[in-house]
ModelCIF file with pLDDT and N, C-alpha, C, O atoms, coordinates in Angstrom:
data_MODEL
#
_entry.id   MODEL 
#
_entity.id                         1 
_entity.type                       polymer 
_entity.pdbx_number_of_molecules   1 
#
_entity_poly.entity_id                      1 
_entity_poly.type                           'polypeptide(L)' 
_entity_poly.nstd_linkage                   no 
_entity_poly.nstd_monomer                   no 
_entity_poly.pdbx_seq_one_letter_code       LELSSAAYPWPLEAFQPTVDSLTGSALVSLLPLVFFFTALGVFSL 
_entity_poly.pdbx_seq_one_letter_code_can   LELSSAAYPWPLEAFQPTVDSLTGSALVSLLPLVFFFTALGVFSL 
_entity_poly.pdbx_strand_id                 A 
#
loop_
_entity_poly_seq.entity_id 
_entity_poly_seq.num 
_entity_poly_seq.mon_id 
_entity_poly_seq.hetero 
1 1  LEU n 
1 2  GLU n 
1 3  LEU n 
1 4  SER n 
1 5  SER n 
1 6  ALA n 
1 7  ALA n 
1 8  TYR n 
1 9  PRO n 
1 10 TRP n 
1 11 PRO n 
1 12 LEU n 
1 13 GLU n 
1 14 ALA n 
1 15 PHE n 
1 16 GLN n 
1 17 PRO n 
1 18 THR n 
1 19 VAL n 
1 20 ASP n 
1 21 SER n 
1 22 LEU n 
1 23 THR n 
1 24 GLY n 
1 25 SER n 
1 26 ALA n 
1 27 LEU n 
1 28 VAL n 
1 29 SER n 
1 30 LEU n 
1 31 LEU n 
1 32 PRO n 
1 33 LEU n 
1 34 VAL n 
1 35 PHE n 
1 36 PHE n 
1 37 PHE n 
1 38 THR n 
1 39 ALA n 
1 40 LEU n 
1 41 GLY n 
1 42 VAL n 
1 43 PHE n 
1 44 SER n 
1 45 LEU n 
#
_struct_asym.id          A 
_struct_asym.entity_id   1 
#
loop_
_ma_qa_metric.id 
_ma_qa_metric.mode 
_ma_qa_metric.name 
_ma_qa_metric.software_group_id 
_ma_qa_metric.type 
1 global pLDDT . pLDDT 
2 local  pLDDT . pLDDT 
#
_ma_qa_metric_global.metric_id      1 
_ma_qa_metric_global.metric_value   65.49 
_ma_qa_metric_global.model_id       1 
_ma_qa_metric_global.ordinal_id     1 
#
loop_
_ma_qa_metric_local.label_asym_id 
_ma_qa_metric_local.label_comp_id 
_ma_qa_metric_local.label_seq_id 
_ma_qa_metric_local.metric_id 
_ma_qa_metric_local.metric_value 
_ma_qa_metric_local.model_id 
_ma_qa_metric_local.ordinal_id 
A LEU 1  2 36.00 1 1  
A GLU 2  2 38.00 1 2  
A LEU 3  2 36.00 1 3  
A SER 4  2 34.00 1 4  
A SER 5  2 34.00 1 5  
A ALA 6  2 34.00 1 6  
A ALA 7  2 34.00 1 7  
A TYR 8  2 33.00 1 8  
A PRO 9  2 45.00 1 9  
A TRP 10 2 42.00 1 10 
A PRO 11 2 40.00 1 11 
A LEU 12 2 40.00 1 12 
A GLU 13 2 46.00 1 13 
A ALA 14 2 43.00 1 14 
A PHE 15 2 46.00 1 15 
A GLN 16 2 49.00 1 16 
A PRO 17 2 52.00 1 17 
A THR 18 2 51.00 1 18 
A VAL 19 2 53.00 1 19 
A ASP 20 2 65.00 1 20 
A SER 21 2 75.00 1 21 
A LEU 22 2 79.00 1 22 
A THR 23 2 83.00 1 23 
A GLY 24 2 85.00 1 24 
A SER 25 2 85.00 1 25 
A ALA 26 2 85.00 1 26 
A LEU 27 2 88.00 1 27 
A VAL 28 2 89.00 1 28 
A SER 29 2 87.00 1 29 
A LEU 30 2 88.00 1 30 
A LEU 31 2 92.00 1 31 
A PRO 32 2 89.00 1 32 
A LEU 33 2 83.00 1 33 
A VAL 34 2 88.00 1 34 
A PHE 35 2 91.00 1 35 
A PHE 36 2 83.00 1 36 
A PHE 37 2 79.00 1 37 
A THR 38 2 86.00 1 38 
A ALA 39 2 86.00 1 39 
A LEU 40 2 77.00 1 40 
A GLY 41 2 74.00 1 41 
A VAL 42 2 81.00 1 42 
A PHE 43 2 84.00 1 43 
A SER 44 2 77.00 1 44 
A LEU 45 2 82.00 1 45 
#
loop_
_atom_site.group_PDB 
_atom_site.id 
_atom_site.type_symbol 
_atom_site.label_atom_id 
_atom_site.label_alt_id 
_atom_site.label_comp_id 
_atom_site.label_asym_id 
_atom_site.label_entity_id 
_atom_site.label_seq_id 
_atom_site.pdbx_PDB_ins_code 
_atom_site.Cartn_x 
_atom_site.Cartn_y 
_atom_site.Cartn_z 
_atom_site.occupancy 
_atom_site.B_iso_or_equiv 
_atom_site.pdbx_formal_charge 
_atom_site.auth_seq_id 
_atom_site.auth_comp_id 
_atom_site.auth_asym_id 
_atom_site.auth_atom_id 
_atom_site.pdbx_PDB_model_num 
ATOM 1   N N  . LEU A 1 1  ? 0.927  -1.684 0.160  1.00 36.00 ? 1  LEU A N  1 
ATOM 2   C CA . LEU A 1 1  ? 0.245  0.410  -0.332 1.00 36.00 ? 1  LEU A CA 1 
ATOM 3   C C  . LEU A 1 1  ? 1.502  1.104  0.026  1.00 36.00 ? 1  LEU A C  1 
ATOM 4   O O  . LEU A 1 1  ? 2.623  0.908  0.496  1.00 36.00 ? 1  LEU A O  1 
ATOM 5   N N  . GLU A 1 2  ? 0.486  2.292  -0.584 1.00 38.00 ? 2  GLU A N  1 
ATOM 6   C CA . GLU A 1 2  ? 1.107  3.249  -0.781 1.00 38.00 ? 2  GLU A CA 1 
ATOM 7   C C  . GLU A 1 2  ? 0.805  4.550  -0.719 1.00 38.00 ? 2  GLU A C  1 
ATOM 8   O O  . GLU A 1 2  ? -0.032 5.113  -1.424 1.00 38.00 ? 2  GLU A O  1 
ATOM 9   N N  . LEU A 1 3  ? 1.855  5.322  0.593  1.00 36.00 ? 3  LEU A N  1 
ATOM 10  C CA . LEU A 1 3  ? 0.929  6.333  1.499  1.00 36.00 ? 3  LEU A CA 1 
ATOM 11  C C  . LEU A 1 3  ? 1.633  7.180  0.357  1.00 36.00 ? 3  LEU A C  1 
ATOM 12  O O  . LEU A 1 3  ? 2.744  6.767  0.024  1.00 36.00 ? 3  LEU A O  1 
ATOM 13  N N  . SER A 1 4  ? 0.998  8.651  -0.489 1.00 34.00 ? 4  SER A N  1 
ATOM 14  C CA . SER A 1 4  ? 1.948  9.807  -0.111 1.00 34.00 ? 4  SER A CA 1 
ATOM 15  C C  . SER A 1 4  ? 2.094  10.794 0.163  1.00 34.00 ? 4  SER A C  1 
ATOM 16  O O  . SER A 1 4  ? 0.892  10.893 -0.081 1.00 34.00 ? 4  SER A O  1 
ATOM 17  N N  . SER A 1 5  ? 2.449  11.994 0.536  1.00 34.00 ? 5  SER A N  1 
ATOM 18  C CA . SER A 1 5  ? 2.531  13.109 1.433  1.00 34.00 ? 5  SER A CA 1 
ATOM 19  C C  . SER A 1 5  ? 1.462  13.841 1.563  1.00 34.00 ? 5  SER A C  1 
ATOM 20  O O  . SER A 1 5  ? 1.181  14.331 2.656  1.00 34.00 ? 5  SER A O  1 
ATOM 21  N N  . ALA A 1 6  ? 0.703  14.030 0.475  1.00 34.00 ? 6  ALA A N  1 
ATOM 22  C CA . ALA A 1 6  ? -0.709 14.492 -0.304 1.00 34.00 ? 6  ALA A CA 1 
ATOM 23  C C  . ALA A 1 6  ? -1.822 13.953 0.016  1.00 34.00 ? 6  ALA A C  1 
ATOM 24  O O  . ALA A 1 6  ? -2.852 14.597 -0.180 1.00 34.00 ? 6  ALA A O  1 
ATOM 25  N N  . ALA A 1 7  ? -1.878 12.713 0.556  1.00 34.00 ? 7  ALA A N  1 
ATOM 26  C CA . ALA A 1 7  ? -3.167 12.357 1.203  1.00 34.00 ? 7  ALA A CA 1 
ATOM 27  C C  . ALA A 1 7  ? -2.604 12.092 2.433  1.00 34.00 ? 7  ALA A C  1 
ATOM 28  O O  . ALA A 1 7  ? -2.654 10.871 2.584  1.00 34.00 ? 7  ALA A O  1 
ATOM 29  N N  . TYR A 1 8  ? -2.117 12.594 3.340  1.00 33.00 ? 8  TYR A N  1 
ATOM 30  C CA . TYR A 1 8  ? -2.006 13.104 4.849  1.00 33.00 ? 8  TYR A CA 1 
ATOM 31  C C  . TYR A 1 8  ? -1.887 14.136 4.762  1.00 33.00 ? 8  TYR A C  1 
ATOM 32  O O  . TYR A 1 8  ? -1.490 14.804 3.807  1.00 33.00 ? 8  TYR A O  1 
ATOM 33  N N  . PRO A 1 9  ? -2.395 14.592 6.305  1.00 45.00 ? 9  PRO A N  1 
ATOM 34  C CA . PRO A 1 9  ? -2.276 15.866 6.455  1.00 45.00 ? 9  PRO A CA 1 
ATOM 35  C C  . PRO A 1 9  ? -1.005 16.686 6.947  1.00 45.00 ? 9  PRO A C  1 
ATOM 36  O O  . PRO A 1 9  ? -0.915 17.881 7.231  1.00 45.00 ? 9  PRO A O  1 
ATOM 37  N N  . TRP A 1 10 ? 0.146  15.466 6.962  1.00 42.00 ? 10 TRP A N  1 
ATOM 38  C CA . TRP A 1 10 ? 1.080  15.984 7.766  1.00 42.00 ? 10 TRP A CA 1 
ATOM 39  C C  . TRP A 1 10 ? 2.382  15.521 6.922  1.00 42.00 ? 10 TRP A C  1 
ATOM 40  O O  . TRP A 1 10 ? 2.080  14.817 5.959  1.00 42.00 ? 10 TRP A O  1 
ATOM 41  N N  . PRO A 1 11 ? 3.750  15.763 7.078  1.00 40.00 ? 11 PRO A N  1 
ATOM 42  C CA . PRO A 1 11 ? 4.736  15.074 5.515  1.00 40.00 ? 11 PRO A CA 1 
ATOM 43  C C  . PRO A 1 11 ? 4.758  13.788 5.601  1.00 40.00 ? 11 PRO A C  1 
ATOM 44  O O  . PRO A 1 11 ? 4.252  13.355 6.636  1.00 40.00 ? 11 PRO A O  1 
ATOM 45  N N  . LEU A 1 12 ? 5.238  12.888 4.749  1.00 40.00 ? 12 LEU A N  1 
ATOM 46  C CA . LEU A 1 12 ? 5.306  11.701 3.829  1.00 40.00 ? 12 LEU A CA 1 
ATOM 47  C C  . LEU A 1 12 ? 6.626  11.361 6.022  1.00 40.00 ? 12 LEU A C  1 
ATOM 48  O O  . LEU A 1 12 ? 6.513  10.734 7.075  1.00 40.00 ? 12 LEU A O  1 
ATOM 49  N N  . GLU A 1 13 ? 7.588  12.316 5.344  1.00 46.00 ? 13 GLU A N  1 
ATOM 50  C CA . GLU A 1 13 ? 8.439  11.697 7.048  1.00 46.00 ? 13 GLU A CA 1 
ATOM 51  C C  . GLU A 1 13 ? 7.269  11.217 7.937  1.00 46.00 ? 13 GLU A C  1 
ATOM 52  O O  . GLU A 1 13 ? 7.183  9.991  7.865  1.00 46.00 ? 13 GLU A O  1 
ATOM 53  N N  . ALA A 1 14 ? 6.380  11.741 8.716  1.00 43.00 ? 14 ALA A N  1 
ATOM 54  C CA . ALA A 1 14 ? 6.375  11.418 9.720  1.00 43.00 ? 14 ALA A CA 1 
ATOM 55  C C  . ALA A 1 14 ? 5.513  10.019 10.138 1.00 43.00 ? 14 ALA A C  1 
ATOM 56  O O  . ALA A 1 14 ? 4.852  9.720  11.132 1.00 43.00 ? 14 ALA A O  1 
ATOM 57  N N  . PHE A 1 15 ? 5.846  9.321  8.892  1.00 46.00 ? 15 PHE A N  1 
ATOM 58  C CA . PHE A 1 15 ? 5.006  7.689  8.359  1.00 46.00 ? 15 PHE A CA 1 
ATOM 59  C C  . PHE A 1 15 ? 6.755  7.350  9.174  1.00 46.00 ? 15 PHE A C  1 
ATOM 60  O O  . PHE A 1 15 ? 7.095  6.170  9.261  1.00 46.00 ? 15 PHE A O  1 
ATOM 61  N N  . GLN A 1 16 ? 7.539  8.251  9.607  1.00 49.00 ? 16 GLN A N  1 
ATOM 62  C CA . GLN A 1 16 ? 9.303  7.661  10.178 1.00 49.00 ? 16 GLN A CA 1 
ATOM 63  C C  . GLN A 1 16 ? 9.511  8.359  10.902 1.00 49.00 ? 16 GLN A C  1 
ATOM 64  O O  . GLN A 1 16 ? 10.158 9.342  10.538 1.00 49.00 ? 16 GLN A O  1 
ATOM 65  N N  . PRO A 1 17 ? 9.120  8.267  12.233 1.00 52.00 ? 17 PRO A N  1 
ATOM 66  C CA . PRO A 1 17 ? 9.218  8.849  12.880 1.00 52.00 ? 17 PRO A CA 1 
ATOM 67  C C  . PRO A 1 17 ? 10.327 8.601  14.484 1.00 52.00 ? 17 PRO A C  1 
ATOM 68  O O  . PRO A 1 17 ? 10.365 9.267  15.518 1.00 52.00 ? 17 PRO A O  1 
ATOM 69  N N  . THR A 1 18 ? 11.224 7.176  13.998 1.00 51.00 ? 18 THR A N  1 
ATOM 70  C CA . THR A 1 18 ? 12.082 6.584  14.620 1.00 51.00 ? 18 THR A CA 1 
ATOM 71  C C  . THR A 1 18 ? 13.482 6.520  13.581 1.00 51.00 ? 18 THR A C  1 
ATOM 72  O O  . THR A 1 18 ? 14.454 7.273  13.515 1.00 51.00 ? 18 THR A O  1 
ATOM 73  N N  . VAL A 1 19 ? 13.119 5.260  12.799 1.00 53.00 ? 19 VAL A N  1 
ATOM 74  C CA . VAL A 1 19 ? 13.462 4.939  11.936 1.00 53.00 ? 19 VAL A CA 1 
ATOM 75  C C  . VAL A 1 19 ? 13.049 5.393  10.570 1.00 53.00 ? 19 VAL A C  1 
ATOM 76  O O  . VAL A 1 19 ? 12.270 6.338  10.445 1.00 53.00 ? 19 VAL A O  1 
ATOM 77  N N  . ASP A 1 20 ? 13.594 4.690  9.440  1.00 65.00 ? 20 ASP A N  1 
ATOM 78  C CA . ASP A 1 20 ? 13.671 5.196  7.785  1.00 65.00 ? 20 ASP A CA 1 
ATOM 79  C C  . ASP A 1 20 ? 11.997 3.852  7.338  1.00 65.00 ? 20 ASP A C  1 
ATOM 80  O O  . ASP A 1 20 ? 11.888 3.349  6.220  1.00 65.00 ? 20 ASP A O  1 
ATOM 81  N N  . SER A 1 21 ? 11.348 3.677  8.069  1.00 75.00 ? 21 SER A N  1 
ATOM 82  C CA . SER A 1 21 ? 10.234 2.403  7.522  1.00 75.00 ? 21 SER A CA 1 
ATOM 83  C C  . SER A 1 21 ? 9.771  2.620  8.141  1.00 75.00 ? 21 SER A C  1 
ATOM 84  O O  . SER A 1 21 ? 10.086 3.117  9.222  1.00 75.00 ? 21 SER A O  1 
ATOM 85  N N  . LEU A 1 22 ? 8.140  2.156  7.453  1.00 79.00 ? 22 LEU A N  1 
ATOM 86  C CA . LEU A 1 22 ? 7.237  2.444  8.191  1.00 79.00 ? 22 LEU A CA 1 
ATOM 87  C C  . LEU A 1 22 ? 6.680  1.662  9.764  1.00 79.00 ? 22 LEU A C  1 
ATOM 88  O O  . LEU A 1 22 ? 5.900  2.022  10.645 1.00 79.00 ? 22 LEU A O  1 
ATOM 89  N N  . THR A 1 23 ? 7.777  0.090  9.492  1.00 83.00 ? 23 THR A N  1 
ATOM 90  C CA . THR A 1 23 ? 7.834  -0.717 10.256 1.00 83.00 ? 23 THR A CA 1 
ATOM 91  C C  . THR A 1 23 ? 8.123  0.304  11.340 1.00 83.00 ? 23 THR A C  1 
ATOM 92  O O  . THR A 1 23 ? 7.134  0.455  12.058 1.00 83.00 ? 23 THR A O  1 
ATOM 93  N N  . GLY A 1 24 ? 9.367  1.203  11.762 1.00 85.00 ? 24 GLY A N  1 
ATOM 94  C CA . GLY A 1 24 ? 9.663  1.706  13.033 1.00 85.00 ? 24 GLY A CA 1 
ATOM 95  C C  . GLY A 1 24 ? 8.652  2.655  13.029 1.00 85.00 ? 24 GLY A C  1 
ATOM 96  O O  . GLY A 1 24 ? 8.785  3.218  14.115 1.00 85.00 ? 24 GLY A O  1 
ATOM 97  N N  . SER A 1 25 ? 7.525  3.267  12.322 1.00 85.00 ? 25 SER A N  1 
ATOM 98  C CA . SER A 1 25 ? 6.681  4.361  12.324 1.00 85.00 ? 25 SER A CA 1 
ATOM 99  C C  . SER A 1 25 ? 5.410  3.509  13.274 1.00 85.00 ? 25 SER A C  1 
ATOM 100 O O  . SER A 1 25 ? 4.818  4.064  14.201 1.00 85.00 ? 25 SER A O  1 
ATOM 101 N N  . ALA A 1 26 ? 5.197  2.368  12.926 1.00 85.00 ? 26 ALA A N  1 
ATOM 102 C CA . ALA A 1 26 ? 3.995  1.461  13.367 1.00 85.00 ? 26 ALA A CA 1 
ATOM 103 C C  . ALA A 1 26 ? 4.872  1.283  14.788 1.00 85.00 ? 26 ALA A C  1 
ATOM 104 O O  . ALA A 1 26 ? 4.445  1.305  15.943 1.00 85.00 ? 26 ALA A O  1 
ATOM 105 N N  . LEU A 1 27 ? 5.722  1.169  14.488 1.00 88.00 ? 27 LEU A N  1 
ATOM 106 C CA . LEU A 1 27 ? 6.281  0.088  16.479 1.00 88.00 ? 27 LEU A CA 1 
ATOM 107 C C  . LEU A 1 27 ? 5.964  1.237  17.308 1.00 88.00 ? 27 LEU A C  1 
ATOM 108 O O  . LEU A 1 27 ? 5.269  1.191  18.322 1.00 88.00 ? 27 LEU A O  1 
ATOM 109 N N  . VAL A 1 28 ? 6.585  2.400  16.755 1.00 89.00 ? 28 VAL A N  1 
ATOM 110 C CA . VAL A 1 28 ? 5.848  4.268  18.026 1.00 89.00 ? 28 VAL A CA 1 
ATOM 111 C C  . VAL A 1 28 ? 4.621  4.100  18.263 1.00 89.00 ? 28 VAL A C  1 
ATOM 112 O O  . VAL A 1 28 ? 3.956  4.223  19.291 1.00 89.00 ? 28 VAL A O  1 
ATOM 113 N N  . SER A 1 29 ? 4.289  3.705  16.865 1.00 87.00 ? 29 SER A N  1 
ATOM 114 C CA . SER A 1 29 ? 2.535  4.473  17.453 1.00 87.00 ? 29 SER A CA 1 
ATOM 115 C C  . SER A 1 29 ? 1.670  2.754  18.015 1.00 87.00 ? 29 SER A C  1 
ATOM 116 O O  . SER A 1 29 ? 0.468  2.950  18.190 1.00 87.00 ? 29 SER A O  1 
ATOM 117 N N  . LEU A 1 30 ? 1.957  1.733  18.202 1.00 88.00 ? 30 LEU A N  1 
ATOM 118 C CA . LEU A 1 30 ? 2.015  1.314  19.492 1.00 88.00 ? 30 LEU A CA 1 
ATOM 119 C C  . LEU A 1 30 ? 1.866  1.333  20.803 1.00 88.00 ? 30 LEU A C  1 
ATOM 120 O O  . LEU A 1 30 ? 1.063  0.855  21.603 1.00 88.00 ? 30 LEU A O  1 
ATOM 121 N N  . LEU A 1 31 ? 2.934  2.073  20.856 1.00 92.00 ? 31 LEU A N  1 
ATOM 122 C CA . LEU A 1 31 ? 2.925  2.697  22.090 1.00 92.00 ? 31 LEU A CA 1 
ATOM 123 C C  . LEU A 1 31 ? 2.187  2.804  23.783 1.00 92.00 ? 31 LEU A C  1 
ATOM 124 O O  . LEU A 1 31 ? 2.154  2.408  24.948 1.00 92.00 ? 31 LEU A O  1 
ATOM 125 N N  . PRO A 1 32 ? 1.545  3.933  22.441 1.00 89.00 ? 32 PRO A N  1 
ATOM 126 C CA . PRO A 1 32 ? 0.192  3.687  23.740 1.00 89.00 ? 32 PRO A CA 1 
ATOM 127 C C  . PRO A 1 32 ? -0.549 2.211  23.917 1.00 89.00 ? 32 PRO A C  1 
ATOM 128 O O  . PRO A 1 32 ? -0.945 1.432  24.783 1.00 89.00 ? 32 PRO A O  1 
ATOM 129 N N  . LEU A 1 33 ? -0.484 2.328  22.948 1.00 83.00 ? 33 LEU A N  1 
ATOM 130 C CA . LEU A 1 33 ? -1.591 0.426  23.169 1.00 83.00 ? 33 LEU A CA 1 
ATOM 131 C C  . LEU A 1 33 ? -0.867 -0.273 24.415 1.00 83.00 ? 33 LEU A C  1 
ATOM 132 O O  . LEU A 1 33 ? -1.277 -0.515 25.550 1.00 83.00 ? 33 LEU A O  1 
ATOM 133 N N  . VAL A 1 34 ? 0.227  -0.482 23.854 1.00 88.00 ? 34 VAL A N  1 
ATOM 134 C CA . VAL A 1 34 ? 1.584  -1.811 25.174 1.00 88.00 ? 34 VAL A CA 1 
ATOM 135 C C  . VAL A 1 34 ? 0.965  -0.466 25.931 1.00 88.00 ? 34 VAL A C  1 
ATOM 136 O O  . VAL A 1 34 ? -0.256 -0.368 25.810 1.00 88.00 ? 34 VAL A O  1 
ATOM 137 N N  . PHE A 1 35 ? 1.506  0.406  26.564 1.00 91.00 ? 35 PHE A N  1 
ATOM 138 C CA . PHE A 1 35 ? 1.674  1.058  28.006 1.00 91.00 ? 35 PHE A CA 1 
ATOM 139 C C  . PHE A 1 35 ? 0.223  0.578  28.342 1.00 91.00 ? 35 PHE A C  1 
ATOM 140 O O  . PHE A 1 35 ? -0.100 -0.382 29.041 1.00 91.00 ? 35 PHE A O  1 
ATOM 141 N N  . PHE A 1 36 ? -0.382 1.254  27.841 1.00 83.00 ? 36 PHE A N  1 
ATOM 142 C CA . PHE A 1 36 ? -1.487 0.767  28.354 1.00 83.00 ? 36 PHE A CA 1 
ATOM 143 C C  . PHE A 1 36 ? -1.979 -0.704 28.798 1.00 83.00 ? 36 PHE A C  1 
ATOM 144 O O  . PHE A 1 36 ? -2.153 -0.592 30.012 1.00 83.00 ? 36 PHE A O  1 
ATOM 145 N N  . PHE A 1 37 ? -2.198 -1.629 28.534 1.00 79.00 ? 37 PHE A N  1 
ATOM 146 C CA . PHE A 1 37 ? -2.326 -2.573 27.836 1.00 79.00 ? 37 PHE A CA 1 
ATOM 147 C C  . PHE A 1 37 ? -1.063 -3.798 29.160 1.00 79.00 ? 37 PHE A C  1 
ATOM 148 O O  . PHE A 1 37 ? -1.195 -5.010 29.328 1.00 79.00 ? 37 PHE A O  1 
ATOM 149 N N  . THR A 1 38 ? -0.586 -3.384 29.461 1.00 86.00 ? 38 THR A N  1 
ATOM 150 C CA . THR A 1 38 ? 0.453  -3.285 30.680 1.00 86.00 ? 38 THR A CA 1 
ATOM 151 C C  . THR A 1 38 ? 0.603  -3.311 31.777 1.00 86.00 ? 38 THR A C  1 
ATOM 152 O O  . THR A 1 38 ? 0.911  -3.964 32.774 1.00 86.00 ? 38 THR A O  1 
ATOM 153 N N  . ALA A 1 39 ? 0.205  -2.109 31.228 1.00 86.00 ? 39 ALA A N  1 
ATOM 154 C CA . ALA A 1 39 ? -0.120 -1.375 32.732 1.00 86.00 ? 39 ALA A CA 1 
ATOM 155 C C  . ALA A 1 39 ? -1.515 -1.621 33.660 1.00 86.00 ? 39 ALA A C  1 
ATOM 156 O O  . ALA A 1 39 ? -1.552 -1.661 34.890 1.00 86.00 ? 39 ALA A O  1 
ATOM 157 N N  . LEU A 1 40 ? -2.846 -1.800 32.565 1.00 77.00 ? 40 LEU A N  1 
ATOM 158 C CA . LEU A 1 40 ? -3.760 -3.025 32.781 1.00 77.00 ? 40 LEU A CA 1 
ATOM 159 C C  . LEU A 1 40 ? -3.243 -3.992 32.957 1.00 77.00 ? 40 LEU A C  1 
ATOM 160 O O  . LEU A 1 40 ? -2.654 -4.040 34.036 1.00 77.00 ? 40 LEU A O  1 
ATOM 161 N N  . GLY A 1 41 ? -3.158 -5.225 32.091 1.00 74.00 ? 41 GLY A N  1 
ATOM 162 C CA . GLY A 1 41 ? -3.090 -7.041 32.144 1.00 74.00 ? 41 GLY A CA 1 
ATOM 163 C C  . GLY A 1 41 ? -2.299 -6.879 33.109 1.00 74.00 ? 41 GLY A C  1 
ATOM 164 O O  . GLY A 1 41 ? -2.805 -7.357 34.124 1.00 74.00 ? 41 GLY A O  1 
ATOM 165 N N  . VAL A 1 42 ? -0.584 -6.122 33.431 1.00 81.00 ? 42 VAL A N  1 
ATOM 166 C CA . VAL A 1 42 ? 0.307  -6.911 33.835 1.00 81.00 ? 42 VAL A CA 1 
ATOM 167 C C  . VAL A 1 42 ? 0.146  -6.378 35.389 1.00 81.00 ? 42 VAL A C  1 
ATOM 168 O O  . VAL A 1 42 ? 0.051  -7.080 36.396 1.00 81.00 ? 42 VAL A O  1 
ATOM 169 N N  . PHE A 1 43 ? 0.142  -4.990 35.301 1.00 84.00 ? 43 PHE A N  1 
ATOM 170 C CA . PHE A 1 43 ? 0.231  -4.575 36.529 1.00 84.00 ? 43 PHE A CA 1 
ATOM 171 C C  . PHE A 1 43 ? -0.581 -4.088 37.357 1.00 84.00 ? 43 PHE A C  1 
ATOM 172 O O  . PHE A 1 43 ? -0.190 -3.658 38.442 1.00 84.00 ? 43 PHE A O  1 
ATOM 173 N N  . SER A 1 44 ? -1.957 -4.070 36.959 1.00 77.00 ? 44 SER A N  1 
ATOM 174 C CA . SER A 1 44 ? -3.538 -4.343 37.509 1.00 77.00 ? 44 SER A CA 1 
ATOM 175 C C  . SER A 1 44 ? -3.197 -3.051 38.159 1.00 77.00 ? 44 SER A C  1 
ATOM 176 O O  . SER A 1 44 ? -3.302 -2.933 39.379 1.00 77.00 ? 44 SER A O  1 
ATOM 177 N N  . LEU A 1 45 ? -2.725 -1.915 37.273 1.00 82.00 ? 45 LEU A N  1 
ATOM 178 C CA . LEU A 1 45 ? -3.803 -0.615 37.891 1.00 82.00 ? 45 LEU A CA 1 
ATOM 179 C C  . LEU A 1 45 ? -5.169 -0.681 37.299 1.00 82.00 ? 45 LEU A C  1 
ATOM 180 O O  . LEU A 1 45 ? -6.023 0.144  37.623 1.00 82.00 ? 45 LEU A O  1 
#
């Protein structure tokens, strides 16, 4: 699936916040969910 900068409200580089790859961007995007389910399911906060 190709994503162009014209089809996104911020620069295409926003998809690579840590490394020059979509995978890196996706992993960073997962951080809020990882935090939530870890805090809830593991630490029972």
